[in-house]
Amino acid sequence: MAEVGFTVIDDGRAVEVASAEGVERARHAQGAGRPVAIDLDERAAYLGVAASVRARALASLEAPDFTLPDLDGRLHTLSNHRGKKVLLVAYASW
């Protein structure tokens, strides 16, 4: 009987592996100082970026590119506004 699959999300890519390999990848990432979220019931793990990588990104003071809709539903990508001042208003109800 084949082993049940396990989903590992690393660097934005989802990979299906055997359960034992998925847990081992998560342990290895955690040992390397990366944050890890693992759900054994759902057979899934998310491997975060190491603190040193996040620190370099923050030190660069460059915002990551993203796309969001305006109130009329038109999509706007941050990189399309390079060189202009942009005001982003975020709200959460939680």
PDB file of N, CA and C in Angstrom:
ATOM      1  N   MET A   1       0.841  -1.185   0.000  1.00  0.00           N
ATOM      2  CA  MET A   1       0.000   0.000   0.000  1.00  0.00           C
ATOM      3  C   MET A   1       0.883   1.245   0.000  1.00  0.00           C
ATOM      4  N   ALA A   2       0.579   2.188  -0.855  1.00  0.00           N
ATOM      5  CA  ALA A   2       1.371   3.417  -0.976  1.00  0.00           C
ATOM      6  C   ALA A   2       1.149   4.305   0.241  1.00  0.00           C
ATOM      7  N   GLU A   3       2.205   5.027   0.623  1.00  0.00           N
ATOM      8  CA  GLU A   3       2.119   5.932   1.766  1.00  0.00           C
ATOM      9  C   GLU A   3       1.279   7.155   1.380  1.00  0.00           C
ATOM     10  N   VAL A   4       0.542   7.665   2.360  1.00  0.00           N
ATOM     11  CA  VAL A   4      -0.322   8.826   2.150  1.00  0.00           C
ATOM     12  C   VAL A   4       0.545  10.037   1.835  1.00  0.00           C
ATOM     13  N   GLY A   5       0.094  10.875   0.902  1.00  0.00           N
ATOM     14  CA  GLY A   5       0.837  12.057   0.496  1.00  0.00           C
ATOM     15  C   GLY A   5       0.881  13.131   1.563  1.00  0.00           C
ATOM     16  N   PHE A   6       1.859  13.998   1.452  1.00  0.00           N
ATOM     17  CA  PHE A   6       2.075  15.086   2.387  1.00  0.00           C
ATOM     18  C   PHE A   6       2.459  16.297   1.546  1.00  0.00           C
ATOM     19  N   THR A   7       1.825  17.429   1.771  1.00  0.00           N
ATOM     20  CA  THR A   7       2.103  18.635   1.000  1.00  0.00           C
ATOM     21  C   THR A   7       3.074  19.526   1.767  1.00  0.00           C
ATOM     22  N   VAL A   8       4.183  19.887   1.106  1.00  0.00           N
ATOM     23  CA  VAL A   8       5.154  20.807   1.681  1.00  0.00           C
ATOM     24  C   VAL A   8       5.167  22.057   0.811  1.00  0.00           C
ATOM     25  N   ILE A   9       4.935  23.219   1.425  1.00  0.00           N
ATOM     26  CA  ILE A   9       4.977  24.490   0.701  1.00  0.00           C
ATOM     27  C   ILE A   9       6.267  25.188   1.091  1.00  0.00           C
ATOM     28  N   ASP A  10       7.149  25.342   0.112  1.00  0.00           N
ATOM     29  CA  ASP A  10       8.464  25.928   0.345  1.00  0.00           C
ATOM     30  C   ASP A  10       8.765  26.883  -0.803  1.00  0.00           C
ATOM     31  N   ASP A  11       9.113  28.114  -0.472  1.00  0.00           N
ATOM     32  CA  ASP A  11       9.437  29.129  -1.472  1.00  0.00           C
ATOM     33  C   ASP A  11       8.284  29.336  -2.455  1.00  0.00           C
ATOM     34  N   GLY A  12       7.063  29.274  -1.939  1.00  0.00           N
ATOM     35  CA  GLY A  12       5.882  29.523  -2.765  1.00  0.00           C
ATOM     36  C   GLY A  12       5.463  28.368  -3.647  1.00  0.00           C
ATOM     37  N   ARG A  13       6.155  27.243  -3.555  1.00  0.00           N
ATOM     38  CA  ARG A  13       5.814  26.079  -4.381  1.00  0.00           C
ATOM     39  C   ARG A  13       5.334  24.943  -3.491  1.00  0.00           C
ATOM     40  N   ALA A  14       4.249  24.307  -3.898  1.00  0.00           N
ATOM     41  CA  ALA A  14       3.721  23.153  -3.171  1.00  0.00           C
ATOM     42  C   ALA A  14       4.250  21.888  -3.825  1.00  0.00           C
ATOM     43  N   VAL A  15       4.769  20.976  -2.978  1.00  0.00           N
ATOM     44  CA  VAL A  15       5.325  19.714  -3.458  1.00  0.00           C
ATOM     45  C   VAL A  15       4.672  18.581  -2.680  1.00  0.00           C
ATOM     46  N   GLU A  16       4.258  17.541  -3.376  1.00  0.00           N
ATOM     47  CA  GLU A  16       3.695  16.353  -2.728  1.00  0.00           C
ATOM     48  C   GLU A  16       4.824  15.353  -2.495  1.00  0.00           C
ATOM     49  N   VAL A  17       4.979  14.924  -1.238  1.00  0.00           N
ATOM     50  CA  VAL A  17       5.998  13.941  -0.867  1.00  0.00           C
ATOM     51  C   VAL A  17       5.351  12.925   0.062  1.00  0.00           C
ATOM     52  N   ALA A  18       6.097  11.887   0.412  1.00  0.00           N
ATOM     53  CA  ALA A  18       5.619  10.922   1.396  1.00  0.00           C
ATOM     54  C   ALA A  18       5.580  11.594   2.766  1.00  0.00           C
ATOM     55  N   SER A  19       4.716  11.127   3.657  1.00  0.00           N
ATOM     56  CA  SER A  19       4.557  11.742   4.980  1.00  0.00           C
ATOM     57  C   SER A  19       5.872  11.836   5.735  1.00  0.00           C
ATOM     58  N   ALA A  20       6.637  10.753   5.771  1.00  0.00           N
ATOM     59  CA  ALA A  20       7.900  10.757   6.512  1.00  0.00           C
ATOM     60  C   ALA A  20       8.858  11.799   5.942  1.00  0.00           C
ATOM     61  N   GLU A  21       8.910  11.907   4.627  1.00  0.00           N
ATOM     62  CA  GLU A  21       9.795  12.894   4.001  1.00  0.00           C
ATOM     63  C   GLU A  21       9.318  14.317   4.294  1.00  0.00           C
ATOM     64  N   GLY A  22       8.012  14.543   4.307  1.00  0.00           N
ATOM     65  CA  GLY A  22       7.476  15.864   4.608  1.00  0.00           C
ATOM     66  C   GLY A  22       7.830  16.313   6.014  1.00  0.00           C
ATOM     67  N   VAL A  23       7.672  15.415   6.972  1.00  0.00           N
ATOM     68  CA  VAL A  23       8.014  15.744   8.357  1.00  0.00           C
ATOM     69  C   VAL A  23       9.515  15.982   8.480  1.00  0.00           C
ATOM     70  N   GLU A  24      10.317  15.185   7.785  1.00  0.00           N
ATOM     71  CA  GLU A  24      11.775  15.355   7.831  1.00  0.00           C
ATOM     72  C   GLU A  24      12.191  16.697   7.222  1.00  0.00           C
ATOM     73  N   ARG A  25      11.577  17.089   6.126  1.00  0.00           N
ATOM     74  CA  ARG A  25      11.874  18.400   5.521  1.00  0.00           C
ATOM     75  C   ARG A  25      11.536  19.530   6.485  1.00  0.00           C
ATOM     76  N   ALA A  26      10.398  19.406   7.173  1.00  0.00           N
ATOM     77  CA  ALA A  26       9.996  20.430   8.134  1.00  0.00           C
ATOM     78  C   ALA A  26      10.992  20.503   9.288  1.00  0.00           C
ATOM     79  N   ARG A  27      11.439  19.359   9.790  1.00  0.00           N
ATOM     80  CA  ARG A  27      12.422  19.345  10.882  1.00  0.00           C
ATOM     81  C   ARG A  27      13.741  19.967  10.438  1.00  0.00           C
ATOM     82  N   HIS A  28      14.169  19.645   9.245  1.00  0.00           N
ATOM     83  CA  HIS A  28      15.428  20.192   8.715  1.00  0.00           C
ATOM     84  C   HIS A  28      15.326  21.715   8.587  1.00  0.00           C
ATOM     85  N   ALA A  29      14.213  22.208   8.067  1.00  0.00           N
ATOM     86  CA  ALA A  29      14.016  23.653   7.909  1.00  0.00           C
ATOM     87  C   ALA A  29      14.013  24.338   9.274  1.00  0.00           C
ATOM     88  N   GLN A  30      13.343  23.731  10.241  1.00  0.00           N
ATOM     89  CA  GLN A  30      13.297  24.310  11.583  1.00  0.00           C
ATOM     90  C   GLN A  30      14.686  24.330  12.207  1.00  0.00           C
ATOM     91  N   GLY A  31      15.467  23.276  11.978  1.00  0.00           N
ATOM     92  CA  GLY A  31      16.838  23.229  12.481  1.00  0.00           C
ATOM     93  C   GLY A  31      17.721  24.290  11.851  1.00  0.00           C
ATOM     94  N   ALA A  32      17.364  24.720  10.643  1.00  0.00           N
ATOM     95  CA  ALA A  32      18.124  25.756   9.939  1.00  0.00           C
ATOM     96  C   ALA A  32      17.650  27.160  10.325  1.00  0.00           C
ATOM     97  N   GLY A  33      16.744  27.250  11.315  1.00  0.00           N
ATOM     98  CA  GLY A  33      16.287  28.555  11.785  1.00  0.00           C
ATOM     99  C   GLY A  33      15.118  29.136  11.018  1.00  0.00           C
ATOM    100  N   ARG A  34      14.459  28.319  10.227  1.00  0.00           N
ATOM    101  CA  ARG A  34      13.296  28.797   9.482  1.00  0.00           C
ATOM    102  C   ARG A  34      12.030  28.519  10.265  1.00  0.00           C
ATOM    103  N   PRO A  35      11.064  29.451  10.266  1.00  0.00           N
ATOM    104  CA  PRO A  35       9.795  29.167  10.928  1.00  0.00           C
ATOM    105  C   PRO A  35       9.035  28.095  10.153  1.00  0.00           C
ATOM    106  N   VAL A  36       8.373  27.232  10.871  1.00  0.00           N
ATOM    107  CA  VAL A  36       7.657  26.111  10.259  1.00  0.00           C
ATOM    108  C   VAL A  36       6.268  26.008  10.860  1.00  0.00           C
ATOM    109  N   ALA A  37       5.268  25.850  10.004  1.00  0.00           N
ATOM    110  CA  ALA A  37       3.907  25.552  10.448  1.00  0.00           C
ATOM    111  C   ALA A  37       3.570  24.175   9.888  1.00  0.00           C
ATOM    112  N   ILE A  38       3.211  23.262  10.769  1.00  0.00           N
ATOM    113  CA  ILE A  38       2.939  21.894  10.331  1.00  0.00           C
ATOM    114  C   ILE A  38       1.600  21.439  10.891  1.00  0.00           C
ATOM    115  N   ASP A  39       0.806  20.797  10.047  1.00  0.00           N
ATOM    116  CA  ASP A  39      -0.487  20.252  10.455  1.00  0.00           C
ATOM    117  C   ASP A  39      -0.501  18.780  10.068  1.00  0.00           C
ATOM    118  N   LEU A  40      -0.265  17.906  11.038  1.00  0.00           N
ATOM    119  CA  LEU A  40      -0.188  16.477  10.752  1.00  0.00           C
ATOM    120  C   LEU A  40      -1.537  15.906  10.336  1.00  0.00           C
ATOM    121  N   ASP A  41      -2.634  16.432  10.897  1.00  0.00           N
ATOM    122  CA  ASP A  41      -3.964  15.941  10.516  1.00  0.00           C
ATOM    123  C   ASP A  41      -4.259  16.210   9.047  1.00  0.00           C
ATOM    124  N   GLU A  42      -3.842  17.375   8.562  1.00  0.00           N
ATOM    125  CA  GLU A  42      -4.064  17.745   7.163  1.00  0.00           C
ATOM    126  C   GLU A  42      -2.915  17.299   6.263  1.00  0.00           C
ATOM    127  N   ARG A  43      -1.857  16.752   6.865  1.00  0.00           N
ATOM    128  CA  ARG A  43      -0.669  16.283   6.135  1.00  0.00           C
ATOM    129  C   ARG A  43      -0.088  17.412   5.275  1.00  0.00           C
ATOM    130  N   ALA A  44       0.201  18.553   5.950  1.00  0.00           N
ATOM    131  CA  ALA A  44       0.736  19.705   5.235  1.00  0.00           C
ATOM    132  C   ALA A  44       1.719  20.462   6.125  1.00  0.00           C
ATOM    133  N   ALA A  45       2.707  21.082   5.484  1.00  0.00           N
ATOM    134  CA  ALA A  45       3.675  21.917   6.202  1.00  0.00           C
ATOM    135  C   ALA A  45       4.018  23.122   5.349  1.00  0.00           C
ATOM    136  N   TYR A  46       4.193  24.254   6.011  1.00  0.00           N
ATOM    137  CA  TYR A  46       4.651  25.475   5.352  1.00  0.00           C
ATOM    138  C   TYR A  46       6.015  25.818   5.928  1.00  0.00           C
ATOM    139  N   LEU A  47       7.003  25.971   5.072  1.00  0.00           N
ATOM    140  CA  LEU A  47       8.359  26.300   5.489  1.00  0.00           C
ATOM    141  C   LEU A  47       8.601  27.771   5.201  1.00  0.00           C
ATOM    142  N   GLY A  48       8.768  28.556   6.257  1.00  0.00           N
ATOM    143  CA  GLY A  48       8.956  29.994   6.120  1.00  0.00           C
ATOM    144  C   GLY A  48      10.380  30.359   5.735  1.00  0.00           C
ATOM    145  N   VAL A  49      10.606  31.633   5.585  1.00  0.00           N
ATOM    146  CA  VAL A  49      11.910  32.165   5.196  1.00  0.00           C
ATOM    147  C   VAL A  49      12.726  32.425   6.460  1.00  0.00           C
ATOM    148  N   ALA A  50      14.010  32.148   6.406  1.00  0.00           N
ATOM    149  CA  ALA A  50      14.893  32.353   7.555  1.00  0.00           C
ATOM    150  C   ALA A  50      14.922  33.815   7.972  1.00  0.00           C
ATOM    151  N   ALA A  51      15.169  34.054   9.249  1.00  0.00           N
ATOM    152  CA  ALA A  51      15.207  35.415   9.784  1.00  0.00           C
ATOM    153  C   ALA A  51      16.249  36.272   9.076  1.00  0.00           C
ATOM    154  N   SER A  52      17.383  35.696   8.712  1.00  0.00           N
ATOM    155  CA  SER A  52      18.433  36.474   8.034  1.00  0.00           C
ATOM    156  C   SER A  52      17.959  36.966   6.663  1.00  0.00           C
ATOM    157  N   VAL A  53      17.179  36.151   5.972  1.00  0.00           N
ATOM    158  CA  VAL A  53      16.647  36.548   4.664  1.00  0.00           C
ATOM    159  C   VAL A  53      15.613  37.666   4.842  1.00  0.00           C
ATOM    160  N   ARG A  54      14.741  37.519   5.855  1.00  0.00           N
ATOM    161  CA  ARG A  54      13.749  38.572   6.128  1.00  0.00           C
ATOM    162  C   ARG A  54      14.434  39.867   6.525  1.00  0.00           C
ATOM    163  N   ALA A  55      15.505  39.781   7.311  1.00  0.00           N
ATOM    164  CA  ALA A  55      16.226  40.978   7.749  1.00  0.00           C
ATOM    165  C   ALA A  55      16.840  41.712   6.564  1.00  0.00           C
ATOM    166  N   ARG A  56      17.414  40.973   5.606  1.00  0.00           N
ATOM    167  CA  ARG A  56      17.987  41.617   4.410  1.00  0.00           C
ATOM    168  C   ARG A  56      16.907  42.318   3.607  1.00  0.00           C
ATOM    169  N   ALA A  57      15.739  41.693   3.477  1.00  0.00           N
ATOM    170  CA  ALA A  57      14.641  42.313   2.728  1.00  0.00           C
ATOM    171  C   ALA A  57      14.174  43.588   3.412  1.00  0.00           C
ATOM    172  N   LEU A  58      14.080  43.563   4.740  1.00  0.00           N
ATOM    173  CA  LEU A  58      13.662  44.761   5.467  1.00  0.00           C
ATOM    174  C   LEU A  58      14.713  45.860   5.379  1.00  0.00           C
ATOM    175  N   ALA A  59      15.977  45.494   5.448  1.00  0.00           N
ATOM    176  CA  ALA A  59      17.062  46.484   5.391  1.00  0.00           C
ATOM    177  C   ALA A  59      17.111  47.182   4.033  1.00  0.00           C
ATOM    178  N   SER A  60      16.641  46.507   2.987  1.00  0.00           N
ATOM    179  CA  SER A  60      16.671  47.102   1.652  1.00  0.00           C
ATOM    180  C   SER A  60      15.654  48.235   1.512  1.00  0.00           C
ATOM    181  N   LEU A  61      14.678  48.278   2.407  1.00  0.00           N
ATOM    182  CA  LEU A  61      13.595  49.272   2.391  1.00  0.00           C
ATOM    183  C   LEU A  61      12.785  49.230   1.095  1.00  0.00           C
ATOM    184  N   GLU A  62      12.838  48.133   0.385  1.00  0.00           N
ATOM    185  CA  GLU A  62      12.061  47.987  -0.847  1.00  0.00           C
ATOM    186  C   GLU A  62      10.833  47.131  -0.562  1.00  0.00           C
ATOM    187  N   ALA A  63       9.676  47.672  -0.883  1.00  0.00           N
ATOM    188  CA  ALA A  63       8.424  46.944  -0.655  1.00  0.00           C
ATOM    189  C   ALA A  63       8.298  45.807  -1.661  1.00  0.00           C
ATOM    190  N   PRO A  64       7.786  44.672  -1.235  1.00  0.00           N
ATOM    191  CA  PRO A  64       7.553  43.588  -2.189  1.00  0.00           C
ATOM    192  C   PRO A  64       6.442  43.987  -3.157  1.00  0.00           C
ATOM    193  N   ASP A  65       6.529  43.508  -4.366  1.00  0.00           N
ATOM    194  CA  ASP A  65       5.507  43.826  -5.358  1.00  0.00           C
ATOM    195  C   ASP A  65       4.220  43.072  -5.032  1.00  0.00           C
ATOM    196  N   PHE A  66       3.090  43.706  -5.242  1.00  0.00           N
ATOM    197  CA  PHE A  66       1.801  43.060  -5.017  1.00  0.00           C
ATOM    198  C   PHE A  66       0.767  43.728  -5.899  1.00  0.00           C
ATOM    199  N   THR A  67      -0.371  43.051  -6.053  1.00  0.00           N
ATOM    200  CA  THR A  67      -1.482  43.578  -6.848  1.00  0.00           C
ATOM    201  C   THR A  67      -2.738  43.538  -5.998  1.00  0.00           C
ATOM    202  N   LEU A  68      -3.468  44.652  -5.981  1.00  0.00           N
ATOM    203  CA  LEU A  68      -4.723  44.753  -5.221  1.00  0.00           C
ATOM    204  C   LEU A  68      -5.765  45.493  -6.060  1.00  0.00           C
ATOM    205  N   PRO A  69      -7.043  45.191  -5.832  1.00  0.00           N
ATOM    206  CA  PRO A  69      -8.093  45.925  -6.543  1.00  0.00           C
ATOM    207  C   PRO A  69      -8.437  47.222  -5.824  1.00  0.00           C
ATOM    208  N   ASP A  70      -8.877  48.229  -6.607  1.00  0.00           N
ATOM    209  CA  ASP A  70      -9.383  49.451  -5.996  1.00  0.00           C
ATOM    210  C   ASP A  70     -10.882  49.263  -5.720  1.00  0.00           C
ATOM    211  N   LEU A  71     -11.552  50.313  -5.288  1.00  0.00           N
ATOM    212  CA  LEU A  71     -12.965  50.190  -4.941  1.00  0.00           C
ATOM    213  C   LEU A  71     -13.854  49.860  -6.136  1.00  0.00           C
ATOM    214  N   ASP A  72     -13.373  50.148  -7.349  1.00  0.00           N
ATOM    215  CA  ASP A  72     -14.136  49.826  -8.554  1.00  0.00           C
ATOM    216  C   ASP A  72     -13.761  48.468  -9.131  1.00  0.00           C
ATOM    217  N   GLY A  73     -12.849  47.749  -8.458  1.00  0.00           N
ATOM    218  CA  GLY A  73     -12.464  46.421  -8.910  1.00  0.00           C
ATOM    219  C   GLY A  73     -11.295  46.399  -9.890  1.00  0.00           C
ATOM    220  N   ARG A  74     -10.756  47.564 -10.255  1.00  0.00           N
ATOM    221  CA  ARG A  74      -9.605  47.613 -11.165  1.00  0.00           C
ATOM    222  C   ARG A  74      -8.354  47.204 -10.404  1.00  0.00           C
ATOM    223  N   LEU A  75      -7.540  46.362 -11.008  1.00  0.00           N
ATOM    224  CA  LEU A  75      -6.325  45.899 -10.360  1.00  0.00           C
ATOM    225  C   LEU A  75      -5.191  46.903 -10.519  1.00  0.00           C
ATOM    226  N   HIS A  76      -4.428  47.091  -9.457  1.00  0.00           N
ATOM    227  CA  HIS A  76      -3.264  47.974  -9.458  1.00  0.00           C
ATOM    228  C   HIS A  76      -2.078  47.201  -8.881  1.00  0.00           C
ATOM    229  N   THR A  77      -0.960  47.258  -9.579  1.00  0.00           N
ATOM    230  CA  THR A  77       0.260  46.606  -9.137  1.00  0.00           C
ATOM    231  C   THR A  77       1.227  47.679  -8.658  1.00  0.00           C
ATOM    232  N   LEU A  78       1.847  47.444  -7.496  1.00  0.00           N
ATOM    233  CA  LEU A  78       2.722  48.449  -6.906  1.00  0.00           C
ATOM    234  C   LEU A  78       3.843  48.848  -7.861  1.00  0.00           C
ATOM    235  N   SER A  79       4.441  47.903  -8.552  1.00  0.00           N
ATOM    236  CA  SER A  79       5.571  48.226  -9.439  1.00  0.00           C
ATOM    237  C   SER A  79       5.162  49.155 -10.582  1.00  0.00           C
ATOM    238  N   ASN A  80       3.881  49.196 -10.939  1.00  0.00           N
ATOM    239  CA  ASN A  80       3.408  50.109 -11.984  1.00  0.00           C
ATOM    240  C   ASN A  80       3.415  51.562 -11.518  1.00  0.00           C
ATOM    241  N   HIS A  81       3.540  51.776 -10.217  1.00  0.00           N
ATOM    242  CA  HIS A  81       3.521  53.126  -9.652  1.00  0.00           C
ATOM    243  C   HIS A  81       4.915  53.559  -9.180  1.00  0.00           C
ATOM    244  N   ARG A  82       5.942  52.864  -9.625  1.00  0.00           N
ATOM    245  CA  ARG A  82       7.317  53.186  -9.204  1.00  0.00           C
ATOM    246  C   ARG A  82       7.628  54.647  -9.502  1.00  0.00           C
ATOM    247  N   GLY A  83       8.224  55.324  -8.533  1.00  0.00           N
ATOM    248  CA  GLY A  83       8.579  56.723  -8.678  1.00  0.00           C
ATOM    249  C   GLY A  83       7.472  57.681  -8.262  1.00  0.00           C
ATOM    250  N   LYS A  84       6.304  57.139  -7.939  1.00  0.00           N
ATOM    251  CA  LYS A  84       5.184  57.972  -7.497  1.00  0.00           C
ATOM    252  C   LYS A  84       4.909  57.680  -6.020  1.00  0.00           C
ATOM    253  N   LYS A  85       4.314  58.649  -5.345  1.00  0.00           N
ATOM    254  CA  LYS A  85       3.897  58.418  -3.973  1.00  0.00           C
ATOM    255  C   LYS A  85       2.606  57.618  -3.986  1.00  0.00           C
ATOM    256  N   VAL A  86       2.540  56.608  -3.118  1.00  0.00           N
ATOM    257  CA  VAL A  86       1.372  55.737  -3.051  1.00  0.00           C
ATOM    258  C   VAL A  86       0.893  55.681  -1.608  1.00  0.00           C
ATOM    259  N   LEU A  87      -0.400  55.880  -1.396  1.00  0.00           N
ATOM    260  CA  LEU A  87      -0.989  55.743  -0.078  1.00  0.00           C
ATOM    261  C   LEU A  87      -1.822  54.470  -0.082  1.00  0.00           C
ATOM    262  N   LEU A  88      -1.479  53.550   0.788  1.00  0.00           N
ATOM    263  CA  LEU A  88      -2.196  52.302   0.902  1.00  0.00           C
ATOM    264  C   LEU A  88      -2.917  52.284   2.242  1.00  0.00           C
ATOM    265  N   VAL A  89      -4.226  52.166   2.196  1.00  0.00           N
ATOM    266  CA  VAL A  89      -5.030  52.113   3.420  1.00  0.00           C
ATOM    267  C   VAL A  89      -5.487  50.666   3.590  1.00  0.00           C
ATOM    268  N   ALA A  90      -5.110  50.082   4.713  1.00  0.00           N
ATOM    269  CA  ALA A  90      -5.480  48.687   4.991  1.00  0.00           C
ATOM    270  C   ALA A  90      -6.389  48.659   6.211  1.00  0.00           C
ATOM    271  N   TYR A  91      -7.347  47.764   6.182  1.00  0.00           N
ATOM    272  CA  TYR A  91      -8.288  47.632   7.285  1.00  0.00           C
ATOM    273  C   TYR A  91      -8.541  46.165   7.517  1.00  0.00           C
ATOM    274  N   ALA A  92      -8.620  45.787   8.769  1.00  0.00           N
ATOM    275  CA  ALA A  92      -8.980  44.413   9.119  1.00  0.00           C
ATOM    276  C   ALA A  92      -9.999  44.474  10.249  1.00  0.00           C
ATOM    277  N   SER A  93     -10.958  43.603  10.218  1.00  0.00           N
ATOM    278  CA  SER A  93     -12.002  43.608  11.239  1.00  0.00           C
ATOM    279  C   SER A  93     -11.764  42.570  12.324  1.00  0.00           C
ATOM    280  N   TRP A  94     -10.623  41.924  12.325  1.00  0.00           N
ATOM    281  CA  TRP A  94     -10.370  40.920  13.343  1.00  0.00           C
ATOM    282  C   TRP A  94      -9.869  41.572  14.552  1.00  0.00           C
TER     283      TRP A  94
END
